[in-house]
């Protein structure tokens, strides 16, 4: 199970770091990273296409997935 994914990109690959986020206090969270995988750019694009296709099917069956509003510009969803 992962509810956090961080991505690092280089010229040669994409690195996805999976973990869990836990809220430890009303104003604090902890992230525990536990597994990472490297993907080549073509593998990354294939994964993106696969996720997009399956998200469309999911939303057709169950409705739109809404993301929470972002706090600031340039922040990522994890």
C-alpha atoms as a PDB file:
ATOM      1  CA  UNK A   1       0.000   0.000   0.000  1.00  0.00           C
ATOM      2  CA  UNK A   2       1.229   3.497  -0.826  1.00  0.00           C
ATOM      3  CA  UNK A   3      -0.490   6.851  -0.453  1.00  0.00           C
ATOM      4  CA  UNK A   4       2.613   8.841  -1.392  1.00  0.00           C
ATOM      5  CA  UNK A   5       4.628   8.788  -4.613  1.00  0.00           C
ATOM      6  CA  UNK A   6       7.588  11.062  -5.203  1.00  0.00           C
ATOM      7  CA  UNK A   7       9.304  11.279  -8.579  1.00  0.00           C
ATOM      8  CA  UNK A   8      12.842  12.146  -9.544  1.00  0.00           C
ATOM      9  CA  UNK A   9      13.733  12.614 -13.190  1.00  0.00           C
ATOM     10  CA  UNK A  10      17.109  12.434 -14.892  1.00  0.00           C
ATOM     11  CA  UNK A  11      18.205  12.365 -18.511  1.00  0.00           C
ATOM     12  CA  UNK A  12      18.227   8.546 -18.442  1.00  0.00           C
ATOM     13  CA  UNK A  13      15.355   7.501 -16.200  1.00  0.00           C
ATOM     14  CA  UNK A  14      12.436   8.229 -13.902  1.00  0.00           C
ATOM     15  CA  UNK A  15      12.631   7.144 -10.263  1.00  0.00           C
ATOM     16  CA  UNK A  16       9.334   6.569  -8.422  1.00  0.00           C
ATOM     17  CA  UNK A  17       9.628   6.445  -4.628  1.00  0.00           C
ATOM     18  CA  UNK A  18       6.598   4.932  -2.882  1.00  0.00           C
ATOM     19  CA  UNK A  19       5.679   5.398   0.761  1.00  0.00           C
ATOM     20  CA  UNK A  20       2.984   6.240   3.258  1.00  0.00           C
ATOM     21  CA  UNK A  21       1.923   9.578   4.709  1.00  0.00           C
ATOM     22  CA  UNK A  22       0.637   9.690   8.276  1.00  0.00           C
ATOM     23  CA  UNK A  23      -0.778  12.743   9.988  1.00  0.00           C
ATOM     24  CA  UNK A  24       0.957  12.864  13.367  1.00  0.00           C
ATOM     25  CA  UNK A  25      -0.599  16.143  14.534  1.00  0.00           C
ATOM     26  CA  UNK A  26      -3.135  18.645  13.148  1.00  0.00           C
ATOM     27  CA  UNK A  27      -0.279  20.603  11.568  1.00  0.00           C
ATOM     28  CA  UNK A  28       2.287  17.849  10.913  1.00  0.00           C
ATOM     29  CA  UNK A  29       2.669  14.783   8.726  1.00  0.00           C
ATOM     30  CA  UNK A  30       5.357  12.138   8.440  1.00  0.00           C
ATOM     31  CA  UNK A  31       6.324  10.349   5.229  1.00  0.00           C
ATOM     32  CA  UNK A  32       7.880   6.900   5.395  1.00  0.00           C
ATOM     33  CA  UNK A  33       9.391   5.895   2.053  1.00  0.00           C
ATOM     34  CA  UNK A  34       9.863   2.177   1.571  1.00  0.00           C
ATOM     35  CA  UNK A  35      10.235   1.193  -2.098  1.00  0.00           C
ATOM     36  CA  UNK A  36      11.547   2.794  -5.251  1.00  0.00           C
ATOM     37  CA  UNK A  37      11.620   1.741  -8.894  1.00  0.00           C
ATOM     38  CA  UNK A  38      13.503   3.064 -11.906  1.00  0.00           C
ATOM     39  CA  UNK A  39      11.737   3.326 -15.264  1.00  0.00           C
ATOM     40  CA  UNK A  40      13.198   4.254 -18.622  1.00  0.00           C
ATOM     41  CA  UNK A  41      11.497   7.145 -20.450  1.00  0.00           C
ATOM     42  CA  UNK A  42       9.660   4.736 -22.823  1.00  0.00           C
ATOM     43  CA  UNK A  43       8.507   2.595 -19.870  1.00  0.00           C
ATOM     44  CA  UNK A  44       7.357   5.747 -18.070  1.00  0.00           C
ATOM     45  CA  UNK A  45       5.285   6.842 -21.063  1.00  0.00           C
ATOM     46  CA  UNK A  46       3.767   3.361 -21.404  1.00  0.00           C
ATOM     47  CA  UNK A  47       2.840   3.414 -17.694  1.00  0.00           C
ATOM     48  CA  UNK A  48       1.312   6.879 -18.107  1.00  0.00           C
ATOM     49  CA  UNK A  49      -0.798   5.662 -21.039  1.00  0.00           C
ATOM     50  CA  UNK A  50      -1.916   2.603 -19.092  1.00  0.00           C
ATOM     51  CA  UNK A  51      -2.887   4.704 -16.057  1.00  0.00           C
ATOM     52  CA  UNK A  52      -4.781   7.228 -18.216  1.00  0.00           C
ATOM     53  CA  UNK A  53      -6.731   4.466 -19.967  1.00  0.00           C
ATOM     54  CA  UNK A  54      -7.673   2.790 -16.676  1.00  0.00           C
ATOM     55  CA  UNK A  55      -8.573   6.087 -14.983  1.00  0.00           C
ATOM     56  CA  UNK A  56     -10.978   6.883 -17.842  1.00  0.00           C
ATOM     57  CA  UNK A  57     -12.614   3.473 -17.432  1.00  0.00           C
ATOM     58  CA  UNK A  58     -12.809   3.897 -13.647  1.00  0.00           C
ATOM     59  CA  UNK A  59     -14.387   7.358 -13.935  1.00  0.00           C
ATOM     60  CA  UNK A  60     -16.871   6.074 -16.522  1.00  0.00           C
ATOM     61  CA  UNK A  61     -17.976   3.417 -14.052  1.00  0.00           C
ATOM     62  CA  UNK A  62     -17.761   5.307 -10.741  1.00  0.00           C
ATOM     63  CA  UNK A  63     -17.672   9.043 -11.485  1.00  0.00           C
ATOM     64  CA  UNK A  64     -15.004  11.709 -11.638  1.00  0.00           C
ATOM     65  CA  UNK A  65     -12.047  11.538  -9.266  1.00  0.00           C
ATOM     66  CA  UNK A  66     -11.555  14.972  -7.739  1.00  0.00           C
ATOM     67  CA  UNK A  67      -8.209  16.100  -6.360  1.00  0.00           C
ATOM     68  CA  UNK A  68      -7.971  18.390  -3.351  1.00  0.00           C
ATOM     69  CA  UNK A  69      -7.040  22.011  -4.026  1.00  0.00           C
ATOM     70  CA  UNK A  70      -3.340  22.792  -3.831  1.00  0.00           C
ATOM     71  CA  UNK A  71      -1.928  25.061  -1.126  1.00  0.00           C
ATOM     72  CA  UNK A  72       0.544  26.893  -3.338  1.00  0.00           C
ATOM     73  CA  UNK A  73       1.935  27.103  -6.813  1.00  0.00           C
ATOM     74  CA  UNK A  74       4.513  24.474  -7.683  1.00  0.00           C
ATOM     75  CA  UNK A  75       3.581  22.004  -4.949  1.00  0.00           C
ATOM     76  CA  UNK A  76       3.034  18.406  -5.979  1.00  0.00           C
ATOM     77  CA  UNK A  77       0.280  16.000  -5.053  1.00  0.00           C
ATOM     78  CA  UNK A  78       1.653  13.060  -3.099  1.00  0.00           C
END
